[in-house]
Amino acid sequence: MIVWMGVYDQRSKGKITKSISDLPGIHSSYMDLKEGTLVVMGDVDPVELVRNLRKKWGKAKLTLYVPYDALKEAKIAEAKQKREEIEREALYRYNREIRDIFNDKEEQGCVIC
């Protein structure tokens, strides 16, 4: 969900993230200072989140709400991890050309003493 906060500085960002950190169900949060929005991911009630932010900050407006699906997020993370593993394996199996340098000028041959 995305909550518009109208916050554009680091000090206020710290206060807001500290105020929402104690809410249960938040998996991750991100504050976009350019747009002044707070992006929250997790199983948290949007009404409770906005009420808490309005109580502590004064202005908060819910702009976008998409239900959080933990299984979907886990599948996406697993697919990303598999893709990275395949890329690492491909780099590991990269066949480099091995060149042997053969010098025929100093031929040792068979020496019987």
PDB file of N, CA and C in Angstrom:
ATOM      1  N   MET A   1       0.832  -1.165   0.000  1.00  0.00           N
ATOM      2  CA  MET A   1       0.000   0.000   0.000  1.00  0.00           C
ATOM      3  C   MET A   1       0.879   1.230   0.000  1.00  0.00           C
ATOM      4  N   ILE A   2       0.382   2.297  -0.569  1.00  0.00           N
ATOM      5  CA  ILE A   2       1.123   3.549  -0.650  1.00  0.00           C
ATOM      6  C   ILE A   2       0.341   4.612   0.106  1.00  0.00           C
ATOM      7  N   VAL A   3       1.040   5.282   1.020  1.00  0.00           N
ATOM      8  CA  VAL A   3       0.432   6.335   1.831  1.00  0.00           C
ATOM      9  C   VAL A   3       1.163   7.635   1.529  1.00  0.00           C
ATOM     10  N   TRP A   4       0.402   8.676   1.134  1.00  0.00           N
ATOM     11  CA  TRP A   4       1.016   9.977   0.899  1.00  0.00           C
ATOM     12  C   TRP A   4       1.184  10.669   2.239  1.00  0.00           C
ATOM     13  N   MET A   5       2.413  11.128   2.512  1.00  0.00           N
ATOM     14  CA  MET A   5       2.710  11.759   3.792  1.00  0.00           C
ATOM     15  C   MET A   5       3.111  13.220   3.640  1.00  0.00           C
ATOM     16  N   GLY A   6       3.621  13.618   2.505  1.00  0.00           N
ATOM     17  CA  GLY A   6       4.093  14.984   2.326  1.00  0.00           C
ATOM     18  C   GLY A   6       5.379  15.242   3.093  1.00  0.00           C
ATOM     19  N   VAL A   7       6.247  14.251   3.164  1.00  0.00           N
ATOM     20  CA  VAL A   7       7.507  14.349   3.896  1.00  0.00           C
ATOM     21  C   VAL A   7       8.647  14.318   2.888  1.00  0.00           C
ATOM     22  N   TYR A   8       9.562  15.280   3.018  1.00  0.00           N
ATOM     23  CA  TYR A   8      10.637  15.375   2.041  1.00  0.00           C
ATOM     24  C   TYR A   8      12.025  15.486   2.675  1.00  0.00           C
ATOM     25  N   ASP A   9      12.163  15.249   3.981  1.00  0.00           N
ATOM     26  CA  ASP A   9      13.480  15.347   4.612  1.00  0.00           C
ATOM     27  C   ASP A   9      13.788  14.095   5.432  1.00  0.00           C
ATOM     28  N   GLN A  10      15.070  13.884   5.705  1.00  0.00           N
ATOM     29  CA  GLN A  10      15.544  12.672   6.382  1.00  0.00           C
ATOM     30  C   GLN A  10      15.082  12.602   7.837  1.00  0.00           C
ATOM     31  N   ARG A  11      15.041  13.724   8.512  1.00  0.00           N
ATOM     32  CA  ARG A  11      14.660  13.725   9.930  1.00  0.00           C
ATOM     33  C   ARG A  11      13.224  13.233  10.113  1.00  0.00           C
ATOM     34  N   SER A  12      12.320  13.739   9.300  1.00  0.00           N
ATOM     35  CA  SER A  12      10.920  13.316   9.376  1.00  0.00           C
ATOM     36  C   SER A  12      10.762  11.863   8.950  1.00  0.00           C
ATOM     37  N   LYS A  13      11.563  11.446   7.986  1.00  0.00           N
ATOM     38  CA  LYS A  13      11.529  10.052   7.536  1.00  0.00           C
ATOM     39  C   LYS A  13      11.855   9.119   8.693  1.00  0.00           C
ATOM     40  N   GLY A  14      12.864   9.464   9.477  1.00  0.00           N
ATOM     41  CA  GLY A  14      13.235   8.650  10.630  1.00  0.00           C
ATOM     42  C   GLY A  14      12.124   8.572  11.657  1.00  0.00           C
ATOM     43  N   LYS A  15      11.451   9.690  11.904  1.00  0.00           N
ATOM     44  CA  LYS A  15      10.353   9.710  12.874  1.00  0.00           C
ATOM     45  C   LYS A  15       9.195   8.826  12.408  1.00  0.00           C
ATOM     46  N   ILE A  16       8.882   8.899  11.129  1.00  0.00           N
ATOM     47  CA  ILE A  16       7.758   8.118  10.598  1.00  0.00           C
ATOM     48  C   ILE A  16       8.072   6.633  10.623  1.00  0.00           C
ATOM     49  N   THR A  17       9.256   6.247  10.173  1.00  0.00           N
ATOM     50  CA  THR A  17       9.599   4.822  10.180  1.00  0.00           C
ATOM     51  C   THR A  17       9.657   4.278  11.600  1.00  0.00           C
ATOM     52  N   LYS A  18      10.066   5.100  12.550  1.00  0.00           N
ATOM     53  CA  LYS A  18      10.087   4.674  13.951  1.00  0.00           C
ATOM     54  C   LYS A  18       8.661   4.494  14.480  1.00  0.00           C
ATOM     55  N   SER A  19       7.736   5.354  14.055  1.00  0.00           N
ATOM     56  CA  SER A  19       6.367   5.261  14.552  1.00  0.00           C
ATOM     57  C   SER A  19       5.617   4.056  13.990  1.00  0.00           C
ATOM     58  N   ILE A  20       5.957   3.606  12.768  1.00  0.00           N
ATOM     59  CA  ILE A  20       5.244   2.453  12.207  1.00  0.00           C
ATOM     60  C   ILE A  20       5.956   1.138  12.478  1.00  0.00           C
ATOM     61  N   SER A  21       7.154   1.203  13.033  1.00  0.00           N
ATOM     62  CA  SER A  21       7.913  -0.035  13.239  1.00  0.00           C
ATOM     63  C   SER A  21       7.280  -0.944  14.286  1.00  0.00           C
ATOM     64  N   ASP A  22       6.492  -0.377  15.209  1.00  0.00           N
ATOM     65  CA  ASP A  22       5.884  -1.200  16.254  1.00  0.00           C
ATOM     66  C   ASP A  22       4.554  -1.819  15.835  1.00  0.00           C
ATOM     67  N   LEU A  23       4.049  -1.491  14.651  1.00  0.00           N
ATOM     68  CA  LEU A  23       2.793  -2.084  14.186  1.00  0.00           C
ATOM     69  C   LEU A  23       3.022  -3.531  13.756  1.00  0.00           C
ATOM     70  N   PRO A  24       2.152  -4.449  14.192  1.00  0.00           N
ATOM     71  CA  PRO A  24       2.324  -5.855  13.789  1.00  0.00           C
ATOM     72  C   PRO A  24       1.889  -6.071  12.341  1.00  0.00           C
ATOM     73  N   GLY A  25       2.605  -6.942  11.639  1.00  0.00           N
ATOM     74  CA  GLY A  25       2.230  -7.322  10.283  1.00  0.00           C
ATOM     75  C   GLY A  25       2.983  -6.606   9.185  1.00  0.00           C
ATOM     76  N   ILE A  26       3.841  -5.662   9.516  1.00  0.00           N
ATOM     77  CA  ILE A  26       4.603  -4.954   8.490  1.00  0.00           C
ATOM     78  C   ILE A  26       5.854  -5.753   8.179  1.00  0.00           C
ATOM     79  N   HIS A  27       5.990  -6.170   6.908  1.00  0.00           N
ATOM     80  CA  HIS A  27       7.168  -6.928   6.488  1.00  0.00           C
ATOM     81  C   HIS A  27       8.295  -5.995   6.061  1.00  0.00           C
ATOM     82  N   SER A  28       7.954  -4.948   5.327  1.00  0.00           N
ATOM     83  CA  SER A  28       8.967  -3.983   4.922  1.00  0.00           C
ATOM     84  C   SER A  28       8.294  -2.648   4.633  1.00  0.00           C
ATOM     85  N   SER A  29       9.068  -1.588   4.737  1.00  0.00           N
ATOM     86  CA  SER A  29       8.553  -0.258   4.428  1.00  0.00           C
ATOM     87  C   SER A  29       9.654   0.546   3.758  1.00  0.00           C
ATOM     88  N   TYR A  30       9.245   1.472   2.919  1.00  0.00           N
ATOM     89  CA  TYR A  30      10.182   2.303   2.171  1.00  0.00           C
ATOM     90  C   TYR A  30       9.595   3.699   2.059  1.00  0.00           C
ATOM     91  N   MET A  31      10.409   4.695   2.328  1.00  0.00           N
ATOM     92  CA  MET A  31       9.970   6.083   2.253  1.00  0.00           C
ATOM     93  C   MET A  31      10.597   6.731   1.029  1.00  0.00           C
ATOM     94  N   ASP A  32       9.772   7.191   0.098  1.00  0.00           N
ATOM     95  CA  ASP A  32      10.248   7.872  -1.101  1.00  0.00           C
ATOM     96  C   ASP A  32      10.212   9.374  -0.836  1.00  0.00           C
ATOM     97  N   LEU A  33      11.382   9.972  -0.646  1.00  0.00           N
ATOM     98  CA  LEU A  33      11.449  11.382  -0.284  1.00  0.00           C
ATOM     99  C   LEU A  33      11.163  12.309  -1.458  1.00  0.00           C
ATOM    100  N   LYS A  34      11.383  11.864  -2.682  1.00  0.00           N
ATOM    101  CA  LYS A  34      11.113  12.719  -3.837  1.00  0.00           C
ATOM    102  C   LYS A  34       9.619  12.966  -4.000  1.00  0.00           C
ATOM    103  N   GLU A  35       8.822  11.916  -3.797  1.00  0.00           N
ATOM    104  CA  GLU A  35       7.377  12.037  -3.961  1.00  0.00           C
ATOM    105  C   GLU A  35       6.661  12.261  -2.640  1.00  0.00           C
ATOM    106  N   GLY A  36       7.343  12.049  -1.530  1.00  0.00           N
ATOM    107  CA  GLY A  36       6.732  12.238  -0.219  1.00  0.00           C
ATOM    108  C   GLY A  36       5.763  11.133   0.142  1.00  0.00           C
ATOM    109  N   THR A  37       6.038   9.909  -0.302  1.00  0.00           N
ATOM    110  CA  THR A  37       5.136   8.793  -0.051  1.00  0.00           C
ATOM    111  C   THR A  37       5.823   7.715   0.773  1.00  0.00           C
ATOM    112  N   LEU A  38       5.002   6.935   1.448  1.00  0.00           N
ATOM    113  CA  LEU A  38       5.459   5.812   2.252  1.00  0.00           C
ATOM    114  C   LEU A  38       4.893   4.543   1.633  1.00  0.00           C
ATOM    115  N   VAL A  39       5.755   3.588   1.297  1.00  0.00           N
ATOM    116  CA  VAL A  39       5.339   2.319   0.714  1.00  0.00           C
ATOM    117  C   VAL A  39       5.489   1.258   1.792  1.00  0.00           C
ATOM    118  N   VAL A  40       4.391   0.563   2.109  1.00  0.00           N
ATOM    119  CA  VAL A  40       4.381  -0.437   3.172  1.00  0.00           C
ATOM    120  C   VAL A  40       3.944  -1.767   2.588  1.00  0.00           C
ATOM    121  N   MET A  41       4.696  -2.837   2.910  1.00  0.00           N
ATOM    122  CA  MET A  41       4.338  -4.187   2.476  1.00  0.00           C
ATOM    123  C   MET A  41       4.118  -5.040   3.710  1.00  0.00           C
ATOM    124  N   GLY A  42       3.016  -5.792   3.711  1.00  0.00           N
ATOM    125  CA  GLY A  42       2.742  -6.679   4.825  1.00  0.00           C
ATOM    126  C   GLY A  42       1.256  -6.827   5.072  1.00  0.00           C
ATOM    127  N   ASP A  43       0.927  -7.627   6.072  1.00  0.00           N
ATOM    128  CA  ASP A  43      -0.461  -7.874   6.453  1.00  0.00           C
ATOM    129  C   ASP A  43      -0.857  -6.920   7.569  1.00  0.00           C
ATOM    130  N   VAL A  44      -0.959  -5.677   7.254  1.00  0.00           N
ATOM    131  CA  VAL A  44      -1.348  -4.670   8.234  1.00  0.00           C
ATOM    132  C   VAL A  44      -2.649  -4.026   7.762  1.00  0.00           C
ATOM    133  N   ASP A  45      -3.506  -3.690   8.712  1.00  0.00           N
ATOM    134  CA  ASP A  45      -4.776  -3.058   8.390  1.00  0.00           C
ATOM    135  C   ASP A  45      -4.508  -1.632   7.907  1.00  0.00           C
ATOM    136  N   PRO A  46      -4.955  -1.263   6.691  1.00  0.00           N
ATOM    137  CA  PRO A  46      -4.655   0.075   6.179  1.00  0.00           C
ATOM    138  C   PRO A  46      -5.292   1.188   7.003  1.00  0.00           C
ATOM    139  N   VAL A  47      -6.483   0.932   7.544  1.00  0.00           N
ATOM    140  CA  VAL A  47      -7.146   1.944   8.366  1.00  0.00           C
ATOM    141  C   VAL A  47      -6.349   2.181   9.647  1.00  0.00           C
ATOM    142  N   GLU A  48      -5.868   1.104  10.257  1.00  0.00           N
ATOM    143  CA  GLU A  48      -5.066   1.213  11.473  1.00  0.00           C
ATOM    144  C   GLU A  48      -3.755   1.949  11.195  1.00  0.00           C
ATOM    145  N   LEU A  49      -3.141   1.665  10.063  1.00  0.00           N
ATOM    146  CA  LEU A  49      -1.886   2.320   9.698  1.00  0.00           C
ATOM    147  C   LEU A  49      -2.087   3.815   9.506  1.00  0.00           C
ATOM    148  N   VAL A  50      -3.106   4.196   8.736  1.00  0.00           N
ATOM    149  CA  VAL A  50      -3.362   5.614   8.476  1.00  0.00           C
ATOM    150  C   VAL A  50      -3.757   6.327   9.763  1.00  0.00           C
ATOM    151  N   ARG A  51      -4.546   5.669  10.614  1.00  0.00           N
ATOM    152  CA  ARG A  51      -4.948   6.277  11.887  1.00  0.00           C
ATOM    153  C   ARG A  51      -3.725   6.531  12.767  1.00  0.00           C
ATOM    154  N   ASN A  52      -2.820   5.558  12.812  1.00  0.00           N
ATOM    155  CA  ASN A  52      -1.608   5.704  13.613  1.00  0.00           C
ATOM    156  C   ASN A  52      -0.730   6.836  13.073  1.00  0.00           C
ATOM    157  N   LEU A  53      -0.598   6.909  11.755  1.00  0.00           N
ATOM    158  CA  LEU A  53       0.219   7.967  11.160  1.00  0.00           C
ATOM    159  C   LEU A  53      -0.405   9.342  11.356  1.00  0.00           C
ATOM    160  N   ARG A  54      -1.724   9.440  11.245  1.00  0.00           N
ATOM    161  CA  ARG A  54      -2.387  10.730  11.459  1.00  0.00           C
ATOM    162  C   ARG A  54      -2.269  11.177  12.910  1.00  0.00           C
ATOM    163  N   LYS A  55      -2.335  10.221  13.827  1.00  0.00           N
ATOM    164  CA  LYS A  55      -2.238  10.556  15.246  1.00  0.00           C
ATOM    165  C   LYS A  55      -0.843  11.095  15.573  1.00  0.00           C
ATOM    166  N   LYS A  56       0.194  10.491  14.991  1.00  0.00           N
ATOM    167  CA  LYS A  56       1.564  10.881  15.327  1.00  0.00           C
ATOM    168  C   LYS A  56       2.130  11.943  14.389  1.00  0.00           C
ATOM    169  N   TRP A  57       1.671  11.974  13.148  1.00  0.00           N
ATOM    170  CA  TRP A  57       2.264  12.888  12.187  1.00  0.00           C
ATOM    171  C   TRP A  57       1.337  14.034  11.810  1.00  0.00           C
ATOM    172  N   GLY A  58       0.044  13.792  11.727  1.00  0.00           N
ATOM    173  CA  GLY A  58      -0.897  14.861  11.428  1.00  0.00           C
ATOM    174  C   GLY A  58      -1.534  14.759  10.057  1.00  0.00           C
ATOM    175  N   LYS A  59      -0.785  14.331   9.068  1.00  0.00           N
ATOM    176  CA  LYS A  59      -1.363  14.204   7.728  1.00  0.00           C
ATOM    177  C   LYS A  59      -0.907  12.901   7.097  1.00  0.00           C
ATOM    178  N   ALA A  60      -1.872  12.153   6.633  1.00  0.00           N
ATOM    179  CA  ALA A  60      -1.600  10.893   5.944  1.00  0.00           C
ATOM    180  C   ALA A  60      -2.813  10.578   5.084  1.00  0.00           C
ATOM    181  N   LYS A  61      -2.561  10.161   3.868  1.00  0.00           N
ATOM    182  CA  LYS A  61      -3.650   9.879   2.932  1.00  0.00           C
ATOM    183  C   LYS A  61      -3.318   8.597   2.184  1.00  0.00           C
ATOM    184  N   LEU A  62      -4.197   7.610   2.273  1.00  0.00           N
ATOM    185  CA  LEU A  62      -4.001   6.331   1.590  1.00  0.00           C
ATOM    186  C   LEU A  62      -4.272   6.533   0.102  1.00  0.00           C
ATOM    187  N   THR A  63      -3.257   6.330  -0.734  1.00  0.00           N
ATOM    188  CA  THR A  63      -3.432   6.558  -2.171  1.00  0.00           C
ATOM    189  C   THR A  63      -3.619   5.272  -2.954  1.00  0.00           C
ATOM    190  N   LEU A  64      -2.975   4.178  -2.529  1.00  0.00           N
ATOM    191  CA  LEU A  64      -3.095   2.920  -3.255  1.00  0.00           C
ATOM    192  C   LEU A  64      -3.038   1.775  -2.263  1.00  0.00           C
ATOM    193  N   TYR A  65      -3.983   0.847  -2.399  1.00  0.00           N
ATOM    194  CA  TYR A  65      -3.984  -0.331  -1.532  1.00  0.00           C
ATOM    195  C   TYR A  65      -4.113  -1.574  -2.393  1.00  0.00           C
ATOM    196  N   VAL A  66      -3.132  -2.453  -2.287  1.00  0.00           N
ATOM    197  CA  VAL A  66      -3.147  -3.747  -2.966  1.00  0.00           C
ATOM    198  C   VAL A  66      -2.961  -4.792  -1.884  1.00  0.00           C
ATOM    199  N   PRO A  67      -3.867  -5.776  -1.769  1.00  0.00           N
ATOM    200  CA  PRO A  67      -3.712  -6.793  -0.720  1.00  0.00           C
ATOM    201  C   PRO A  67      -2.382  -7.522  -0.849  1.00  0.00           C
ATOM    202  N   TYR A  68      -1.742  -7.743   0.282  1.00  0.00           N
ATOM    203  CA  TYR A  68      -0.434  -8.396   0.328  1.00  0.00           C
ATOM    204  C   TYR A  68      -0.638  -9.897   0.341  1.00  0.00           C
ATOM    205  N   ASP A  69       0.022 -10.586  -0.578  1.00  0.00           N
ATOM    206  CA  ASP A  69      -0.044 -12.043  -0.658  1.00  0.00           C
ATOM    207  C   ASP A  69       1.354 -12.585  -0.382  1.00  0.00           C
ATOM    208  N   ALA A  70       1.536 -13.178   0.791  1.00  0.00           N
ATOM    209  CA  ALA A  70       2.858 -13.657   1.205  1.00  0.00           C
ATOM    210  C   ALA A  70       3.345 -14.796   0.313  1.00  0.00           C
ATOM    211  N   LEU A  71       2.430 -15.666  -0.118  1.00  0.00           N
ATOM    212  CA  LEU A  71       2.833 -16.777  -0.981  1.00  0.00           C
ATOM    213  C   LEU A  71       3.328 -16.275  -2.335  1.00  0.00           C
ATOM    214  N   LYS A  72       2.653 -15.281  -2.861  1.00  0.00           N
ATOM    215  CA  LYS A  72       3.059 -14.723  -4.148  1.00  0.00           C
ATOM    216  C   LYS A  72       4.440 -14.076  -4.034  1.00  0.00           C
ATOM    217  N   GLU A  73       4.661 -13.338  -2.957  1.00  0.00           N
ATOM    218  CA  GLU A  73       5.967 -12.712  -2.738  1.00  0.00           C
ATOM    219  C   GLU A  73       7.054 -13.765  -2.570  1.00  0.00           C
ATOM    220  N   ALA A  74       6.732 -14.863  -1.885  1.00  0.00           N
ATOM    221  CA  ALA A  74       7.709 -15.939  -1.690  1.00  0.00           C
ATOM    222  C   ALA A  74       8.050 -16.602  -3.026  1.00  0.00           C
ATOM    223  N   LYS A  75       7.039 -16.804  -3.881  1.00  0.00           N
ATOM    224  CA  LYS A  75       7.290 -17.398  -5.194  1.00  0.00           C
ATOM    225  C   LYS A  75       8.160 -16.490  -6.052  1.00  0.00           C
ATOM    226  N   ILE A  76       7.911 -15.198  -5.996  1.00  0.00           N
ATOM    227  CA  ILE A  76       8.712 -14.251  -6.770  1.00  0.00           C
ATOM    228  C   ILE A  76      10.156 -14.263  -6.285  1.00  0.00           C
ATOM    229  N   ALA A  77      10.351 -14.280  -4.976  1.00  0.00           N
ATOM    230  CA  ALA A  77      11.707 -14.312  -4.416  1.00  0.00           C
ATOM    231  C   ALA A  77      12.415 -15.616  -4.773  1.00  0.00           C
ATOM    232  N   GLU A  78      11.675 -16.728  -4.745  1.00  0.00           N
ATOM    233  CA  GLU A  78      12.261 -18.022  -5.088  1.00  0.00           C
ATOM    234  C   GLU A  78      12.664 -18.066  -6.562  1.00  0.00           C
ATOM    235  N   ALA A  79      11.821 -17.528  -7.436  1.00  0.00           N
ATOM    236  CA  ALA A  79      12.141 -17.495  -8.863  1.00  0.00           C
ATOM    237  C   ALA A  79      13.369 -16.620  -9.123  1.00  0.00           C
ATOM    238  N   LYS A  80      13.464 -15.510  -8.420  1.00  0.00           N
ATOM    239  CA  LYS A  80      14.624 -14.631  -8.572  1.00  0.00           C
ATOM    240  C   LYS A  80      15.895 -15.327  -8.105  1.00  0.00           C
ATOM    241  N   GLN A  81      15.795 -16.060  -7.001  1.00  0.00           N
ATOM    242  CA  GLN A  81      16.954 -16.778  -6.475  1.00  0.00           C
ATOM    243  C   GLN A  81      17.395 -17.876  -7.445  1.00  0.00           C
ATOM    244  N   LYS A  82      16.435 -18.599  -8.034  1.00  0.00           N
ATOM    245  CA  LYS A  82      16.766 -19.636  -9.016  1.00  0.00           C
ATOM    246  C   LYS A  82      17.461 -19.034 -10.233  1.00  0.00           C
ATOM    247  N   ARG A  83      16.946 -17.908 -10.697  1.00  0.00           N
ATOM    248  CA  ARG A  83      17.526 -17.246 -11.859  1.00  0.00           C
ATOM    249  C   ARG A  83      18.970 -16.815 -11.571  1.00  0.00           C
ATOM    250  N   GLU A  84      19.213 -16.261 -10.387  1.00  0.00           N
ATOM    251  CA  GLU A  84      20.575 -15.863 -10.016  1.00  0.00           C
ATOM    252  C   GLU A  84      21.494 -17.074  -9.902  1.00  0.00           C
ATOM    253  N   GLU A  85      20.961 -18.184  -9.381  1.00  0.00           N
ATOM    254  CA  GLU A  85      21.762 -19.400  -9.250  1.00  0.00           C
ATOM    255  C   GLU A  85      22.148 -19.951 -10.623  1.00  0.00           C
ATOM    256  N   ILE A  86      21.224 -19.919 -11.564  1.00  0.00           N
ATOM    257  CA  ILE A  86      21.508 -20.389 -12.922  1.00  0.00           C
ATOM    258  C   ILE A  86      22.566 -19.508 -13.573  1.00  0.00           C
ATOM    259  N   GLU A  87      22.474 -18.195 -13.356  1.00  0.00           N
ATOM    260  CA  GLU A  87      23.472 -17.290 -13.922  1.00  0.00           C
ATOM    261  C   GLU A  87      24.851 -17.549 -13.323  1.00  0.00           C
ATOM    262  N   ARG A  88      24.913 -17.775 -12.000  1.00  0.00           N
ATOM    263  CA  ARG A  88      26.193 -18.074 -11.364  1.00  0.00           C
ATOM    264  C   ARG A  88      26.774 -19.385 -11.879  1.00  0.00           C
ATOM    265  N   GLU A  89      25.911 -20.386 -12.066  1.00  0.00           N
ATOM    266  CA  GLU A  89      26.366 -21.682 -12.567  1.00  0.00           C
ATOM    267  C   GLU A  89      26.882 -21.556 -13.996  1.00  0.00           C
ATOM    268  N   ALA A  90      26.223 -20.737 -14.800  1.00  0.00           N
ATOM    269  CA  ALA A  90      26.681 -20.533 -16.174  1.00  0.00           C
ATOM    270  C   ALA A  90      28.054 -19.864 -16.190  1.00  0.00           C
ATOM    271  N   LEU A  91      28.280 -18.936 -15.282  1.00  0.00           N
ATOM    272  CA  LEU A  91      29.595 -18.297 -15.208  1.00  0.00           C
ATOM    273  C   LEU A  91      30.653 -19.281 -14.729  1.00  0.00           C
ATOM    274  N   TYR A  92      30.275 -20.158 -13.818  1.00  0.00           N
ATOM    275  CA  TYR A  92      31.216 -21.139 -13.291  1.00  0.00           C
ATOM    276  C   TYR A  92      31.617 -22.132 -14.372  1.00  0.00           C
ATOM    277  N   ARG A  93      30.686 -22.490 -15.223  1.00  0.00           N
ATOM    278  CA  ARG A  93      30.945 -23.489 -16.258  1.00  0.00           C
ATOM    279  C   ARG A  93      31.487 -22.882 -17.555  1.00  0.00           C
ATOM    280  N   TYR A  94      31.830 -21.647 -17.536  1.00  0.00           N
ATOM    281  CA  TYR A  94      32.358 -20.976 -18.721  1.00  0.00           C
ATOM    282  C   TYR A  94      33.681 -21.620 -19.113  1.00  0.00           C
ATOM    283  N   ASN A  95      33.770 -22.095 -20.348  1.00  0.00           N
ATOM    284  CA  ASN A  95      34.978 -22.763 -20.835  1.00  0.00           C
ATOM    285  C   ASN A  95      35.922 -21.730 -21.431  1.00  0.00           C
ATOM    286  N   ARG A  96      37.023 -21.549 -20.761  1.00  0.00           N
ATOM    287  CA  ARG A  96      38.035 -20.646 -21.286  1.00  0.00           C
ATOM    288  C   ARG A  96      38.981 -21.428 -22.191  1.00  0.00           C
ATOM    289  N   GLU A  97      39.475 -20.769 -23.184  1.00  0.00           N
ATOM    290  CA  GLU A  97      40.391 -21.406 -24.118  1.00  0.00           C
ATOM    291  C   GLU A  97      41.765 -21.518 -23.454  1.00  0.00           C
ATOM    292  N   ILE A  98      42.302 -22.705 -23.430  1.00  0.00           N
ATOM    293  CA  ILE A  98      43.610 -22.949 -22.838  1.00  0.00           C
ATOM    294  C   ILE A  98      44.605 -23.123 -23.971  1.00  0.00           C
ATOM    295  N   ARG A  99      45.640 -22.324 -23.965  1.00  0.00           N
ATOM    296  CA  ARG A  99      46.643 -22.379 -25.028  1.00  0.00           C
ATOM    297  C   ARG A  99      47.948 -22.915 -24.443  1.00  0.00           C
ATOM    298  N   ASP A 100      48.473 -23.931 -25.060  1.00  0.00           N
ATOM    299  CA  ASP A 100      49.780 -24.460 -24.679  1.00  0.00           C
ATOM    300  C   ASP A 100      50.824 -23.836 -25.592  1.00  0.00           C
ATOM    301  N   ILE A 101      51.879 -23.371 -24.992  1.00  0.00           N
ATOM    302  CA  ILE A 101      52.957 -22.782 -25.776  1.00  0.00           C
ATOM    303  C   ILE A 101      53.999 -23.865 -26.014  1.00  0.00           C
ATOM    304  N   PHE A 102      54.256 -24.119 -27.255  1.00  0.00           N
ATOM    305  CA  PHE A 102      55.202 -25.165 -27.634  1.00  0.00           C
ATOM    306  C   PHE A 102      56.401 -24.505 -28.289  1.00  0.00           C
ATOM    307  N   ASN A 103      57.578 -24.763 -27.743  1.00  0.00           N
ATOM    308  CA  ASN A 103      58.802 -24.195 -28.280  1.00  0.00           C
ATOM    309  C   ASN A 103      59.648 -25.339 -28.830  1.00  0.00           C
ATOM    310  N   ASP A 104      59.868 -25.368 -30.127  1.00  0.00           N
ATOM    311  CA  ASP A 104      60.588 -26.457 -30.780  1.00  0.00           C
ATOM    312  C   ASP A 104      62.079 -26.154 -30.945  1.00  0.00           C
ATOM    313  N   LYS A 105      62.531 -24.979 -30.553  1.00  0.00           N
ATOM    314  CA  LYS A 105      63.922 -24.599 -30.760  1.00  0.00           C
ATOM    315  C   LYS A 105      64.865 -25.367 -29.844  1.00  0.00           C
ATOM    316  N   GLU A 106      64.498 -25.578 -28.617  1.00  0.00           N
ATOM    317  CA  GLU A 106      65.378 -26.256 -27.664  1.00  0.00           C
ATOM    318  C   GLU A 106      64.855 -27.661 -27.420  1.00  0.00           C
ATOM    319  N   GLU A 107      65.084 -28.514 -28.353  1.00  0.00           N
ATOM    320  CA  GLU A 107      64.588 -29.874 -28.239  1.00  0.00           C
ATOM    321  C   GLU A 107      65.541 -30.684 -27.365  1.00  0.00           C
ATOM    322  N   GLN A 108      65.046 -31.269 -26.297  1.00  0.00           N
ATOM    323  CA  GLN A 108      65.870 -32.042 -25.374  1.00  0.00           C
ATOM    324  C   GLN A 108      66.187 -33.414 -25.950  1.00  0.00           C
ATOM    325  N   GLY A 109      65.210 -34.096 -26.403  1.00  0.00           N
ATOM    326  CA  GLY A 109      65.428 -35.421 -26.962  1.00  0.00           C
ATOM    327  C   GLY A 109      65.856 -36.423 -25.902  1.00  0.00           C
ATOM    328  N   CYS A 110      66.420 -37.509 -26.353  1.00  0.00           N
ATOM    329  CA  CYS A 110      66.848 -38.569 -25.459  1.00  0.00           C
ATOM    330  C   CYS A 110      68.352 -38.421 -25.222  1.00  0.00           C
ATOM    331  N   VAL A 111      68.754 -38.377 -23.978  1.00  0.00           N
ATOM    332  CA  VAL A 111      70.163 -38.198 -23.644  1.00  0.00           C
ATOM    333  C   VAL A 111      70.629 -39.421 -22.884  1.00  0.00           C
ATOM    334  N   ILE A 112      71.666 -40.110 -23.414  1.00  0.00           N
ATOM    335  CA  ILE A 112      72.227 -41.267 -22.735  1.00  0.00           C
ATOM    336  C   ILE A 112      73.655 -40.905 -22.338  1.00  0.00           C
ATOM    337  N   CYS A 113      73.938 -40.961 -21.085  1.00  0.00           N
ATOM    338  CA  CYS A 113      75.275 -40.615 -20.614  1.00  0.00           C
ATOM    339  C   CYS A 113      76.008 -41.813 -20.102  1.00  0.00           C
TER     340      CYS A 113
END
